[in-house]
N, C-alpha and C. Protein backbone atom coordinates (compact mmCIF):
# COMPACT_ATOMS: atom_id res chain seq x y z
N MET A 1 -5.01 6.97 35.86
CA MET A 1 -4.37 8.20 36.48
C MET A 1 -4.58 9.26 35.29
N SER A 2 -5.03 10.45 35.67
CA SER A 2 -5.27 11.64 34.72
C SER A 2 -3.91 12.18 34.47
N SER A 3 -3.97 13.08 33.27
CA SER A 3 -2.66 13.66 32.98
C SER A 3 -2.36 14.62 33.96
N LYS A 4 -3.41 15.35 34.75
CA LYS A 4 -3.01 16.25 35.65
C LYS A 4 -2.33 15.58 36.92
N SER A 5 -2.91 14.47 37.28
CA SER A 5 -2.38 13.81 38.40
C SER A 5 -0.89 13.33 38.15
N CYS A 6 -0.67 12.79 36.90
CA CYS A 6 0.58 12.32 36.48
C CYS A 6 1.56 13.45 36.53
N THR A 7 1.25 14.60 35.92
CA THR A 7 2.06 15.71 35.84
C THR A 7 2.38 16.24 37.28
N LYS A 8 1.49 16.26 38.25
CA LYS A 8 1.63 16.75 39.61
C LYS A 8 2.64 15.83 40.29
N LEU A 9 2.44 14.55 40.17
CA LEU A 9 3.25 13.60 40.75
C LEU A 9 4.75 13.72 40.29
N ALA A 10 4.82 13.92 39.03
CA ALA A 10 6.20 13.98 38.46
C ALA A 10 6.85 15.32 39.00
N LEU A 11 6.20 16.34 39.03
CA LEU A 11 6.78 17.60 39.53
C LEU A 11 7.16 17.49 40.98
N THR A 12 6.35 16.75 41.77
CA THR A 12 6.59 16.65 43.14
C THR A 12 7.86 15.77 43.28
N ILE A 13 8.06 14.72 42.48
CA ILE A 13 9.20 13.90 42.61
C ILE A 13 10.49 14.68 42.19
N LEU A 14 10.28 15.46 41.13
CA LEU A 14 11.34 16.28 40.61
C LEU A 14 11.91 17.31 41.70
N PHE A 15 10.96 18.03 42.31
CA PHE A 15 11.32 19.12 43.29
C PHE A 15 11.86 18.48 44.60
N ALA A 16 11.29 17.35 44.94
CA ALA A 16 11.77 16.60 46.00
C ALA A 16 13.23 16.15 45.98
N ALA A 17 13.54 15.64 44.56
CA ALA A 17 14.91 15.22 44.35
C ALA A 17 15.91 16.43 44.41
N LEU A 18 15.44 17.57 43.96
CA LEU A 18 16.29 18.83 43.82
C LEU A 18 16.56 19.25 45.17
N ALA A 19 15.61 19.08 46.19
CA ALA A 19 15.81 19.59 47.46
C ALA A 19 16.72 18.68 48.35
N VAL A 20 16.90 17.52 48.01
CA VAL A 20 17.82 16.61 48.66
C VAL A 20 19.24 16.91 48.64
N PRO A 21 19.95 17.26 49.75
CA PRO A 21 21.29 17.70 49.70
C PRO A 21 22.16 16.46 49.43
N SER A 22 23.06 16.53 48.54
CA SER A 22 24.04 15.49 48.18
C SER A 22 25.38 15.52 48.85
N PRO A 23 25.65 14.53 49.72
CA PRO A 23 26.91 14.64 50.45
C PRO A 23 28.12 14.59 49.52
N ALA A 24 27.96 14.08 48.37
CA ALA A 24 29.08 14.09 47.34
C ALA A 24 29.42 15.54 46.85
N GLN A 25 28.50 16.52 47.05
CA GLN A 25 28.76 17.76 46.56
C GLN A 25 29.94 18.48 47.26
N VAL A 26 30.03 18.09 48.59
CA VAL A 26 31.11 18.73 49.36
C VAL A 26 32.32 17.85 49.62
N ALA A 27 32.35 16.67 48.85
CA ALA A 27 33.40 15.75 49.00
C ALA A 27 34.69 16.32 48.50
N PRO A 28 35.85 16.09 49.07
CA PRO A 28 37.11 16.59 48.54
C PRO A 28 37.50 15.82 47.14
N SER A 29 38.48 16.46 46.57
CA SER A 29 38.87 15.93 45.18
C SER A 29 39.29 14.51 45.24
N ALA A 30 39.79 14.14 46.37
CA ALA A 30 40.37 12.76 46.59
C ALA A 30 39.24 11.75 46.45
N THR A 31 38.05 12.05 46.81
CA THR A 31 36.92 11.18 46.69
C THR A 31 36.12 11.24 45.48
N ALA A 32 36.64 11.82 44.47
CA ALA A 32 36.01 12.06 43.07
C ALA A 32 35.52 10.64 42.71
N GLY A 33 34.17 10.56 42.38
CA GLY A 33 33.60 9.39 41.92
C GLY A 33 32.98 8.50 43.02
N GLY A 34 33.26 8.84 44.36
CA GLY A 34 32.67 8.19 45.46
C GLY A 34 31.20 8.64 45.74
N GLY A 35 30.56 8.07 46.64
CA GLY A 35 29.24 8.49 47.07
C GLY A 35 28.17 8.22 46.06
N TRP A 36 27.22 9.32 45.82
CA TRP A 36 26.24 9.07 44.90
C TRP A 36 25.80 10.40 44.39
N THR A 37 25.06 10.43 43.26
CA THR A 37 24.70 11.72 42.56
C THR A 37 23.28 11.56 42.20
N ILE A 38 22.62 12.67 42.09
CA ILE A 38 21.20 12.79 41.56
C ILE A 38 21.29 13.73 40.33
N ALA A 39 20.61 13.37 39.39
CA ALA A 39 20.51 14.21 38.18
C ALA A 39 18.92 14.37 37.80
N ALA A 40 18.55 15.55 37.45
CA ALA A 40 17.23 15.85 37.12
C ALA A 40 17.12 16.67 35.80
N GLY A 41 16.23 16.27 34.96
CA GLY A 41 16.05 17.05 33.73
C GLY A 41 14.77 16.79 32.96
N GLY A 42 14.75 17.21 31.78
CA GLY A 42 13.38 16.98 30.91
C GLY A 42 13.69 17.53 29.52
N GLY A 43 12.78 17.23 28.61
CA GLY A 43 12.85 17.71 27.31
C GLY A 43 11.61 17.13 26.50
N PRO A 44 11.66 17.63 25.17
CA PRO A 44 10.49 17.17 24.34
C PRO A 44 10.60 15.71 23.82
N SER A 45 9.52 15.14 23.57
CA SER A 45 9.51 13.75 23.16
C SER A 45 8.69 13.52 21.84
N TYR A 46 9.21 12.77 20.87
CA TYR A 46 8.42 12.46 19.66
C TYR A 46 8.28 10.92 19.55
N PHE A 47 7.01 10.47 19.51
CA PHE A 47 6.84 8.98 19.49
C PHE A 47 5.90 8.57 18.34
N HIS A 48 6.23 7.44 17.82
CA HIS A 48 5.47 6.73 16.73
C HIS A 48 4.45 5.87 17.61
N MET A 49 3.23 6.05 17.43
CA MET A 49 2.23 5.57 18.40
C MET A 49 1.71 4.09 18.10
N ASN A 50 2.17 3.48 16.96
CA ASN A 50 1.80 2.12 16.65
C ASN A 50 0.33 1.86 16.73
N TYR A 51 -0.47 3.07 16.38
CA TYR A 51 -1.98 2.97 16.43
C TYR A 51 -2.38 3.90 15.33
N GLY A 52 -2.90 3.39 14.23
CA GLY A 52 -3.33 4.22 13.13
C GLY A 52 -2.13 4.80 12.45
N ASP A 53 -1.02 4.34 12.51
CA ASP A 53 0.24 4.93 11.87
C ASP A 53 0.50 6.29 12.19
N GLY A 54 0.33 6.81 13.40
CA GLY A 54 0.40 8.19 13.76
C GLY A 54 1.52 8.50 14.73
N GLU A 55 1.84 9.83 15.01
CA GLU A 55 2.78 10.22 15.79
C GLU A 55 2.32 11.26 16.84
N GLU A 56 2.83 11.40 17.93
CA GLU A 56 2.58 12.51 18.91
C GLU A 56 3.75 12.95 19.55
N TRP A 57 3.66 14.25 19.89
CA TRP A 57 4.69 14.98 20.51
C TRP A 57 4.20 15.17 22.06
N GLY A 58 5.28 15.38 22.88
CA GLY A 58 4.84 15.76 24.33
C GLY A 58 6.25 15.99 25.08
N GLY A 59 6.08 15.88 26.40
CA GLY A 59 7.24 16.24 27.16
C GLY A 59 7.46 14.92 28.15
N THR A 60 8.81 15.00 28.62
CA THR A 60 9.29 14.01 29.55
C THR A 60 10.14 14.72 30.66
N LEU A 61 9.86 14.13 31.87
CA LEU A 61 10.72 14.60 32.98
C LEU A 61 11.33 13.31 33.56
N TRP A 62 12.62 13.47 33.97
CA TRP A 62 13.27 12.25 34.73
C TRP A 62 14.10 12.74 35.81
N VAL A 63 14.37 11.69 36.68
CA VAL A 63 15.34 11.87 37.81
C VAL A 63 16.10 10.59 37.93
N ASP A 64 17.43 10.76 37.91
CA ASP A 64 18.31 9.65 37.92
C ASP A 64 19.03 9.69 39.20
N VAL A 65 19.36 8.59 39.95
CA VAL A 65 20.14 8.39 41.13
C VAL A 65 21.15 7.46 40.83
N ASN A 66 22.38 7.74 40.99
CA ASN A 66 23.56 6.96 40.59
C ASN A 66 24.48 6.68 41.76
N ILE A 67 24.84 5.41 42.00
CA ILE A 67 25.70 5.05 43.14
C ILE A 67 27.06 4.89 42.58
N ASN A 68 28.06 5.63 43.10
CA ASN A 68 29.42 5.60 42.71
C ASN A 68 30.34 4.85 43.50
N LYS A 69 29.97 3.81 44.38
CA LYS A 69 30.68 2.98 45.21
C LYS A 69 30.69 1.58 44.69
N GLY A 70 31.69 0.81 45.25
CA GLY A 70 31.74 -0.51 45.01
C GLY A 70 32.66 -0.92 43.86
N PRO A 71 32.62 -2.09 43.30
CA PRO A 71 33.60 -2.53 42.26
C PRO A 71 33.35 -1.68 41.00
N SER A 72 34.39 -1.31 40.21
CA SER A 72 34.31 -0.34 39.20
C SER A 72 33.14 -0.76 38.19
N PHE A 73 32.94 -2.03 37.88
CA PHE A 73 32.05 -2.30 36.89
C PHE A 73 30.54 -2.07 37.36
N LEU A 74 30.34 -1.86 38.69
CA LEU A 74 28.99 -1.55 39.13
C LEU A 74 28.72 -0.03 39.34
N ARG A 75 29.81 0.82 39.11
CA ARG A 75 29.68 2.24 39.53
C ARG A 75 28.75 2.98 38.57
N GLY A 76 28.45 2.38 37.43
CA GLY A 76 27.54 3.04 36.51
C GLY A 76 26.05 2.65 36.84
N LEU A 77 25.83 1.83 37.87
CA LEU A 77 24.54 1.38 38.11
C LEU A 77 23.63 2.35 38.91
N GLY A 78 22.44 2.50 38.50
CA GLY A 78 21.63 3.43 39.14
C GLY A 78 20.14 3.18 38.92
N GLY A 79 19.20 4.15 39.23
CA GLY A 79 17.86 4.03 39.04
C GLY A 79 17.37 5.31 38.41
N GLU A 80 16.20 5.18 37.58
CA GLU A 80 15.61 6.22 36.96
C GLU A 80 14.19 6.33 37.20
N MET A 81 13.68 7.52 37.43
CA MET A 81 12.15 7.71 37.53
C MET A 81 11.83 8.65 36.33
N GLU A 82 10.80 8.28 35.63
CA GLU A 82 10.42 9.00 34.41
C GLU A 82 8.93 9.26 34.29
N ALA A 83 8.51 10.38 33.86
CA ALA A 83 7.11 10.78 33.61
C ALA A 83 7.02 11.41 32.23
N ARG A 84 6.01 10.89 31.57
CA ARG A 84 5.83 11.42 30.13
C ARG A 84 4.38 11.67 29.72
N ASP A 85 4.15 12.69 29.12
CA ASP A 85 2.75 13.01 28.55
C ASP A 85 2.90 13.28 27.03
N LEU A 86 2.15 12.55 26.21
CA LEU A 86 2.14 12.72 24.88
C LEU A 86 0.70 13.07 24.41
N SER A 87 0.54 14.24 23.82
CA SER A 87 -0.89 14.72 23.49
C SER A 87 -0.89 15.76 22.50
N ILE A 88 0.17 16.12 21.79
CA ILE A 88 0.32 17.23 20.96
C ILE A 88 0.58 16.87 19.46
N ASP A 89 -0.02 17.61 18.59
CA ASP A 89 0.27 17.44 17.16
C ASP A 89 0.09 16.04 16.62
N ARG A 90 -1.12 15.51 16.78
CA ARG A 90 -1.49 14.16 16.35
C ARG A 90 -1.61 14.12 14.83
N ALA A 91 -1.25 13.00 14.19
CA ALA A 91 -1.35 12.78 12.79
C ALA A 91 -2.91 12.64 12.42
N PRO A 92 -3.33 12.73 11.22
CA PRO A 92 -4.75 12.60 10.83
C PRO A 92 -5.26 11.26 11.04
N THR A 93 -4.36 10.25 11.14
CA THR A 93 -4.74 8.85 11.33
C THR A 93 -4.95 8.56 12.81
N LEU A 94 -4.74 9.52 13.70
CA LEU A 94 -4.98 9.31 15.15
C LEU A 94 -6.28 9.98 15.63
N PRO A 95 -6.94 9.50 16.57
CA PRO A 95 -8.04 10.38 17.09
C PRO A 95 -7.62 11.66 17.63
N ASP A 96 -8.34 12.77 17.36
CA ASP A 96 -7.92 14.04 17.66
C ASP A 96 -7.91 14.43 19.19
N ASP A 97 -8.40 13.47 19.94
CA ASP A 97 -8.19 13.63 21.48
C ASP A 97 -7.58 12.59 22.27
N MET A 98 -6.60 11.95 21.52
CA MET A 98 -5.85 10.82 22.04
C MET A 98 -4.74 11.36 22.95
N ARG A 99 -4.53 10.74 24.06
CA ARG A 99 -3.49 11.19 25.07
C ARG A 99 -2.86 9.96 25.79
N THR A 100 -1.61 10.01 25.80
CA THR A 100 -0.93 8.83 26.57
C THR A 100 0.00 9.44 27.62
N ASP A 101 -0.19 8.92 28.86
CA ASP A 101 0.52 9.34 29.96
C ASP A 101 1.30 8.19 30.58
N THR A 102 2.55 8.27 31.00
CA THR A 102 3.27 7.07 31.65
C THR A 102 3.99 7.72 32.86
N LEU A 103 4.14 6.82 33.81
CA LEU A 103 4.96 7.18 35.09
C LEU A 103 5.53 5.92 35.53
N GLY A 104 6.95 5.91 35.74
CA GLY A 104 7.49 4.64 36.19
C GLY A 104 8.97 4.72 36.42
N GLY A 105 9.53 3.61 36.79
CA GLY A 105 11.00 3.79 37.01
C GLY A 105 11.73 2.28 36.85
N GLY A 106 12.97 2.41 37.01
CA GLY A 106 13.71 1.10 36.88
C GLY A 106 15.18 1.26 36.79
N PRO A 107 15.93 0.16 36.64
CA PRO A 107 17.37 0.35 36.64
C PRO A 107 17.92 1.00 35.37
N ILE A 108 19.19 1.72 35.50
CA ILE A 108 19.82 2.30 34.42
C ILE A 108 21.23 1.99 34.66
N TYR A 109 22.02 1.67 33.54
CA TYR A 109 23.36 1.41 33.65
C TYR A 109 24.10 2.49 32.71
N THR A 110 24.98 3.22 33.25
CA THR A 110 25.69 4.32 32.51
C THR A 110 27.17 3.88 32.43
N TRP A 111 27.67 3.88 31.19
CA TRP A 111 29.09 3.68 30.88
C TRP A 111 29.85 4.87 31.15
N ARG A 112 30.68 5.02 32.23
CA ARG A 112 31.18 6.27 32.77
C ARG A 112 32.71 6.36 32.45
N HIS A 113 33.22 5.84 31.27
CA HIS A 113 34.63 5.74 30.99
C HIS A 113 35.14 6.85 30.15
N PHE A 114 34.34 7.74 29.80
CA PHE A 114 34.67 8.92 28.97
C PHE A 114 34.46 10.16 29.66
N PRO A 115 35.35 11.29 29.35
CA PRO A 115 35.25 12.47 30.00
C PRO A 115 33.88 13.26 29.78
N ARG A 116 33.46 13.31 28.56
CA ARG A 116 32.22 14.10 28.22
C ARG A 116 31.11 13.18 27.72
N PHE A 117 31.35 11.99 27.32
CA PHE A 117 30.19 11.11 26.76
C PHE A 117 29.80 9.98 27.67
N ARG A 118 28.56 9.67 27.82
CA ARG A 118 28.17 8.62 28.69
C ARG A 118 26.99 7.94 27.96
N PRO A 119 27.25 6.72 27.27
CA PRO A 119 26.18 5.88 26.89
C PRO A 119 25.61 5.13 27.90
N TYR A 120 24.26 4.87 27.78
CA TYR A 120 23.57 4.15 28.88
C TYR A 120 22.51 3.28 28.22
N ALA A 121 22.01 2.31 29.14
CA ALA A 121 20.85 1.43 28.79
C ALA A 121 19.90 1.38 30.01
N LYS A 122 18.68 1.12 29.90
CA LYS A 122 17.85 1.13 30.92
C LYS A 122 16.55 0.25 30.68
N VAL A 123 15.96 -0.14 31.75
CA VAL A 123 14.62 -0.95 31.63
C VAL A 123 13.68 -0.43 32.57
N LEU A 124 12.59 0.34 32.19
CA LEU A 124 11.59 0.85 33.24
C LEU A 124 10.28 0.02 33.16
N VAL A 125 9.76 0.06 34.28
CA VAL A 125 8.30 -0.66 34.44
C VAL A 125 7.46 0.62 34.87
N SER A 126 6.35 0.81 33.97
CA SER A 126 5.64 2.05 34.20
C SER A 126 4.18 1.70 34.27
N TYR A 127 3.46 2.63 34.92
CA TYR A 127 2.02 2.72 34.88
C TYR A 127 1.58 3.65 33.72
N GLY A 128 0.78 3.12 32.74
CA GLY A 128 0.30 3.94 31.61
C GLY A 128 -1.04 4.04 31.52
N SER A 129 -1.41 5.18 30.88
CA SER A 129 -2.81 5.67 30.74
C SER A 129 -3.07 6.08 29.31
N LEU A 130 -4.01 5.51 28.56
CA LEU A 130 -4.29 5.83 27.27
C LEU A 130 -5.75 6.27 27.21
N ASP A 131 -5.97 7.55 26.79
CA ASP A 131 -7.35 8.05 26.85
C ASP A 131 -7.76 8.53 25.31
N ILE A 132 -9.04 8.27 25.04
CA ILE A 132 -9.62 8.78 23.76
C ILE A 132 -11.03 9.28 24.22
N SER A 133 -11.14 10.53 24.54
CA SER A 133 -12.29 11.09 25.24
C SER A 133 -13.59 10.93 24.45
N LYS A 134 -13.53 11.20 23.19
CA LYS A 134 -14.80 11.22 22.34
C LYS A 134 -15.39 9.75 22.31
N HIS A 135 -14.65 8.84 22.54
CA HIS A 135 -15.14 7.48 22.63
C HIS A 135 -15.34 6.91 23.91
N ASN A 136 -15.13 7.84 25.01
CA ASN A 136 -15.24 7.44 26.39
C ASN A 136 -14.25 6.28 26.60
N TYR A 137 -13.06 6.25 26.05
CA TYR A 137 -12.04 5.26 26.11
C TYR A 137 -11.00 5.57 27.20
N HIS A 138 -10.82 4.78 28.22
CA HIS A 138 -9.77 5.03 29.17
C HIS A 138 -9.16 3.64 29.55
N TYR A 139 -7.90 3.50 29.23
CA TYR A 139 -7.14 2.19 29.35
C TYR A 139 -5.96 2.46 30.22
N THR A 140 -5.76 1.58 31.26
CA THR A 140 -4.63 1.77 32.09
C THR A 140 -3.97 0.25 32.20
N TRP A 141 -2.63 0.30 32.24
CA TRP A 141 -1.94 -0.98 32.16
C TRP A 141 -0.52 -0.66 32.74
N ILE A 142 0.18 -1.88 33.19
CA ILE A 142 1.44 -1.91 33.47
C ILE A 142 2.32 -2.27 32.20
N LEU A 143 3.19 -1.40 31.93
CA LEU A 143 4.03 -1.48 30.58
C LEU A 143 5.53 -1.56 30.96
N TYR A 144 6.34 -2.08 29.87
CA TYR A 144 7.68 -2.28 30.06
C TYR A 144 8.35 -1.46 28.96
N SER A 145 9.45 -0.86 29.37
CA SER A 145 10.11 0.01 28.29
C SER A 145 11.66 -0.04 28.40
N PRO A 146 12.27 -0.94 27.55
CA PRO A 146 13.73 -0.94 27.37
C PRO A 146 14.03 0.28 26.58
N GLY A 147 15.25 0.82 26.91
CA GLY A 147 15.78 2.02 26.14
C GLY A 147 17.20 2.15 26.22
N ALA A 148 17.70 3.04 25.49
CA ALA A 148 19.17 3.40 25.53
C ALA A 148 19.36 4.73 24.93
N GLY A 149 20.56 5.32 25.24
CA GLY A 149 20.87 6.66 24.75
C GLY A 149 22.26 7.11 25.05
N ILE A 150 22.54 8.44 24.92
CA ILE A 150 23.78 8.82 25.18
C ILE A 150 23.70 10.39 25.75
N GLU A 151 24.61 10.62 26.68
CA GLU A 151 24.63 11.87 27.37
C GLU A 151 25.95 12.61 27.11
N TYR A 152 25.81 13.85 26.84
CA TYR A 152 27.11 14.74 26.62
C TYR A 152 27.07 15.82 27.59
N ARG A 153 28.32 16.09 28.09
CA ARG A 153 28.42 17.24 29.13
C ARG A 153 29.14 18.34 28.44
N PRO A 154 28.42 19.45 28.07
CA PRO A 154 29.04 20.63 27.39
C PRO A 154 29.90 21.51 28.50
N PHE A 155 29.39 21.50 29.73
CA PHE A 155 30.15 22.23 30.77
C PHE A 155 29.57 21.82 32.09
N GLY A 156 30.53 21.99 33.13
CA GLY A 156 30.10 21.79 34.48
C GLY A 156 29.39 20.52 34.83
N ASN A 157 28.18 20.66 35.52
CA ASN A 157 27.36 19.55 35.79
C ASN A 157 26.19 19.51 34.92
N VAL A 158 26.22 20.20 33.83
CA VAL A 158 25.03 20.11 32.79
C VAL A 158 25.32 19.14 31.77
N TRP A 159 24.25 18.23 31.57
CA TRP A 159 24.35 17.13 30.59
C TRP A 159 23.25 17.27 29.53
N VAL A 160 23.49 16.97 28.28
CA VAL A 160 22.54 17.06 27.26
C VAL A 160 22.24 15.47 26.87
N ARG A 161 20.97 15.08 26.78
CA ARG A 161 20.68 13.70 26.54
C ARG A 161 19.88 13.47 25.37
N ALA A 162 20.21 12.38 24.65
CA ALA A 162 19.29 11.89 23.53
C ALA A 162 18.98 10.42 23.80
N ASP A 163 17.63 10.18 23.94
CA ASP A 163 17.15 8.95 24.39
C ASP A 163 16.19 8.24 23.50
N TYR A 164 16.36 6.94 23.43
CA TYR A 164 15.39 6.12 22.66
C TYR A 164 14.77 5.13 23.56
N GLU A 165 13.39 4.96 23.41
CA GLU A 165 12.59 4.13 24.28
C GLU A 165 11.57 3.37 23.42
N TYR A 166 11.47 2.00 23.66
CA TYR A 166 10.52 1.12 23.13
C TYR A 166 9.54 0.66 24.18
N GLN A 167 8.22 0.88 24.09
CA GLN A 167 7.20 0.51 25.12
C GLN A 167 6.49 -0.78 24.67
N VAL A 168 6.18 -1.47 25.55
CA VAL A 168 5.40 -2.68 25.45
C VAL A 168 4.17 -2.68 26.41
N TRP A 169 3.01 -2.55 25.68
CA TRP A 169 1.76 -2.43 26.55
C TRP A 169 1.17 -3.86 26.21
N PRO A 170 1.28 -4.79 27.17
CA PRO A 170 0.75 -6.29 26.83
C PRO A 170 -0.71 -6.32 26.62
N GLN A 171 -1.17 -6.86 25.53
CA GLN A 171 -2.58 -7.21 25.26
C GLN A 171 -3.41 -6.06 25.46
N LEU A 172 -3.08 -4.88 24.80
CA LEU A 172 -3.84 -3.71 25.01
C LEU A 172 -5.23 -3.78 24.31
N PHE A 173 -5.37 -4.20 23.05
CA PHE A 173 -6.61 -4.40 22.46
C PHE A 173 -7.20 -5.68 22.32
N THR A 174 -6.33 -6.66 21.95
CA THR A 174 -6.61 -8.03 21.87
C THR A 174 -5.61 -8.93 22.52
N PRO A 175 -5.94 -10.15 22.96
CA PRO A 175 -4.96 -10.98 23.60
C PRO A 175 -3.79 -11.29 22.66
N LYS A 176 -3.87 -11.18 21.40
CA LYS A 176 -2.84 -11.51 20.43
C LYS A 176 -1.95 -10.22 19.94
N TRP A 177 -2.43 -9.08 20.40
CA TRP A 177 -1.78 -7.87 19.87
C TRP A 177 -1.44 -6.97 20.93
N SER A 178 -0.14 -6.56 21.10
CA SER A 178 0.22 -5.63 22.16
C SER A 178 0.49 -4.22 21.50
N TYR A 179 0.40 -3.30 22.28
CA TYR A 179 0.62 -1.81 21.73
C TYR A 179 2.07 -1.45 21.93
N ASN A 180 2.77 -1.13 21.00
CA ASN A 180 4.29 -0.92 21.11
C ASN A 180 4.71 0.50 20.59
N PRO A 181 4.33 1.56 21.20
CA PRO A 181 4.92 2.81 20.72
C PRO A 181 6.39 2.87 20.92
N ASP A 182 7.12 3.69 20.13
CA ASP A 182 8.55 3.80 20.35
C ASP A 182 8.94 5.27 19.92
N GLY A 183 9.92 5.90 20.59
CA GLY A 183 10.25 7.23 20.20
C GLY A 183 11.58 7.79 20.86
N VAL A 184 11.79 9.01 20.66
CA VAL A 184 12.92 9.62 21.12
C VAL A 184 12.68 10.80 22.03
N THR A 185 13.54 11.17 22.93
CA THR A 185 13.42 12.36 23.74
C THR A 185 14.78 12.93 23.75
N VAL A 186 14.74 14.22 23.53
CA VAL A 186 16.05 15.17 23.59
C VAL A 186 15.89 16.07 24.62
N GLY A 187 16.89 16.10 25.53
CA GLY A 187 16.71 17.17 26.63
C GLY A 187 18.00 17.47 27.42
N ALA A 188 17.84 18.19 28.49
CA ALA A 188 19.01 18.54 29.33
C ALA A 188 18.80 18.18 30.69
N MET A 189 19.82 18.01 31.55
CA MET A 189 19.68 17.77 32.98
C MET A 189 20.84 18.36 33.74
N TYR A 190 20.63 18.55 34.92
CA TYR A 190 21.64 19.08 35.86
C TYR A 190 21.96 17.94 36.87
N GLU A 191 23.27 17.54 37.04
CA GLU A 191 23.68 16.62 37.90
C GLU A 191 24.22 17.21 39.24
N PHE A 192 23.54 16.81 40.37
CA PHE A 192 23.88 17.34 41.66
C PHE A 192 24.88 16.30 42.27
N GLY A 193 25.96 16.86 42.73
CA GLY A 193 26.92 15.92 43.24
C GLY A 193 28.27 16.08 42.64
N HIS A 194 29.26 15.65 43.14
CA HIS A 194 30.69 15.67 42.67
C HIS A 194 30.92 14.88 41.41
N HIS A 195 31.56 15.41 40.42
CA HIS A 195 31.88 14.58 39.31
C HIS A 195 33.39 14.79 39.02
N ARG A 196 33.97 13.85 38.30
CA ARG A 196 35.46 13.89 37.96
C ARG A 196 35.72 15.20 37.12
N ARG A 197 36.73 15.74 37.37
CA ARG A 197 37.26 16.95 36.63
C ARG A 197 38.24 16.38 35.53
N HIS A 198 37.82 16.88 34.27
CA HIS A 198 38.75 16.40 33.15
C HIS A 198 39.19 17.67 32.37
């Protein structure tokens, strides 16, 4: 998947999610915490590439869907869709035309017991693309990405997020060595839907 295709798909998903009306938005105060919510956001990412001991910058977009019904211990369960492109400010030890794109999703669990802070953990399964143009190298694979982070609500439905993610690209170069980039994303998102007033 080319970076243009990955970006177009991510933007399509983002705008589609923004266009979906949330019934929870018009729910009365008595039903606070019921229904479901959608959150969409993005921000810059910084990853250690585990290849040539280099780092890359890029951007990440995400959409979260959270279900707020059922037993209390399940109310933080949801799903996340994430798209990332890393291709900026490479270290001298990395090829000058290296680019990594990922698009995937998976379950996310958010601990919703604090008024303004929400720690979370997630496991994503993604389609990844690694390109080094000058060597005519193009590699695609299914990868796994456990991660965790924390969200802070400064006001209203706006949340700021700090996210850590560890990627596992199985047997990328040899059967005995997998490719394991890891990095952080810091960004902001808007949550569509009713939230508890504190």
